[in-house]
Amino acid sequence: MDGIRDAFARAGLVRPYAGRLLAGVCAGVALRAGVPAWAVRLVLLLLLVLPGSPFLIYAVLWICMPAQGWVPPTRPVR
C-alpha cells in the first residue's frame, strides 16, 4: 500500500489539510488538475445521480491518496 501512496504522492495527488470538507479527496484532485475545488465537488455530485460507483471511487481515492506531508516509510537494510 505504501508503494501506491508513494506513486500518488509523486504524481502530485495528495489530500491537503487546507480546503478539505470530508477527506480532502476533491480538494486534492482539484489541486492536481488546477481547477477550483467546488468544480470537482460539483462533478462528484453530478456523478452520484448516474449509475455506477462514485462512492467506491471516492473511497478508493481516500485510501490510496496520502495526506499532505506524507513521507514513505523507510525499509530496513538486511
Protein backbone atom coordinates (compact mmCIF):
# COMPACT_ATOMS: atom_id res chain seq x y z
CA MET A 1 0.00 0.00 0.00
CA ASP A 2 2.91 2.35 0.69
CA GLY A 3 4.07 1.90 -2.91
CA ILE A 4 0.69 3.07 -4.19
CA ARG A 5 0.69 6.08 -1.86
CA ASP A 6 4.24 6.90 -2.94
CA ALA A 7 3.19 6.81 -6.60
CA PHE A 8 0.21 9.07 -5.89
CA ALA A 9 2.44 11.50 -3.96
CA ARG A 10 5.00 11.61 -6.79
CA ALA A 11 2.16 12.31 -9.23
CA GLY A 12 1.01 15.23 -7.06
CA LEU A 13 -2.18 13.61 -5.82
CA VAL A 14 -2.27 14.30 -2.09
CA ARG A 15 -5.10 15.19 0.29
CA PRO A 16 -4.34 18.74 1.51
CA TYR A 17 -5.21 19.84 5.03
CA ALA A 18 -6.48 23.23 3.87
CA GLY A 19 -9.76 23.27 1.99
CA ARG A 20 -10.95 19.77 2.79
CA LEU A 21 -14.57 19.11 3.66
CA LEU A 22 -14.66 15.38 4.32
CA ALA A 23 -11.39 13.65 3.49
CA GLY A 24 -9.76 16.09 1.09
CA VAL A 25 -10.08 13.89 -1.99
CA CYS A 26 -11.88 16.51 -4.09
CA ALA A 27 -9.51 19.25 -2.91
CA GLY A 28 -6.52 17.08 -3.83
CA VAL A 29 -7.85 16.24 -7.27
CA ALA A 30 -8.65 19.93 -7.82
CA LEU A 31 -5.12 20.99 -6.85
CA ARG A 32 -3.62 18.41 -9.21
CA ALA A 33 -5.93 19.37 -12.08
CA GLY A 34 -5.58 23.10 -11.50
CA VAL A 35 -9.31 23.73 -11.13
CA PRO A 36 -11.33 25.07 -8.19
CA ALA A 37 -12.36 22.51 -5.59
CA TRP A 38 -16.03 23.42 -5.96
CA ALA A 39 -15.91 22.29 -9.60
CA VAL A 40 -14.62 18.84 -8.64
CA ARG A 41 -17.25 18.60 -5.89
CA LEU A 42 -19.96 19.56 -8.39
CA VAL A 43 -18.80 16.87 -10.82
CA LEU A 44 -18.86 14.33 -7.98
CA LEU A 45 -22.42 15.34 -7.08
CA LEU A 46 -23.49 15.03 -10.72
CA LEU A 47 -21.92 11.57 -10.91
CA LEU A 48 -23.93 10.46 -7.88
CA VAL A 49 -27.16 10.55 -9.91
CA LEU A 50 -25.70 8.31 -12.62
CA PRO A 51 -25.49 4.57 -12.20
CA GLY A 52 -22.05 3.43 -11.32
CA SER A 53 -19.80 3.56 -8.35
CA PRO A 54 -18.78 7.13 -7.46
CA PHE A 55 -18.87 6.17 -3.77
CA LEU A 56 -16.44 3.34 -4.47
CA ILE A 57 -14.14 5.61 -6.48
CA TYR A 58 -14.16 8.20 -3.68
CA ALA A 59 -13.42 5.54 -1.06
CA VAL A 60 -10.55 4.06 -3.08
CA LEU A 61 -9.04 7.51 -3.62
CA TRP A 62 -9.45 8.24 0.10
CA ILE A 63 -7.45 5.13 0.93
CA CYS A 64 -4.83 5.50 -1.82
CA MET A 65 -4.17 9.25 -1.71
CA PRO A 66 -1.72 10.14 1.04
CA ALA A 67 -2.27 13.12 3.29
CA GLN A 68 -0.24 16.22 2.59
CA GLY A 69 3.24 15.87 4.03
CA TRP A 70 3.16 12.05 3.94
CA VAL A 71 6.60 10.50 3.91
CA PRO A 72 7.02 6.88 2.77
CA PRO A 73 8.38 4.61 5.49
CA THR A 74 11.97 3.53 5.18
CA ARG A 75 12.77 -0.12 4.66
CA PRO A 76 15.33 -1.69 6.99
CA VAL A 77 18.52 -2.87 5.28
CA ARG A 78 19.07 -6.62 5.68
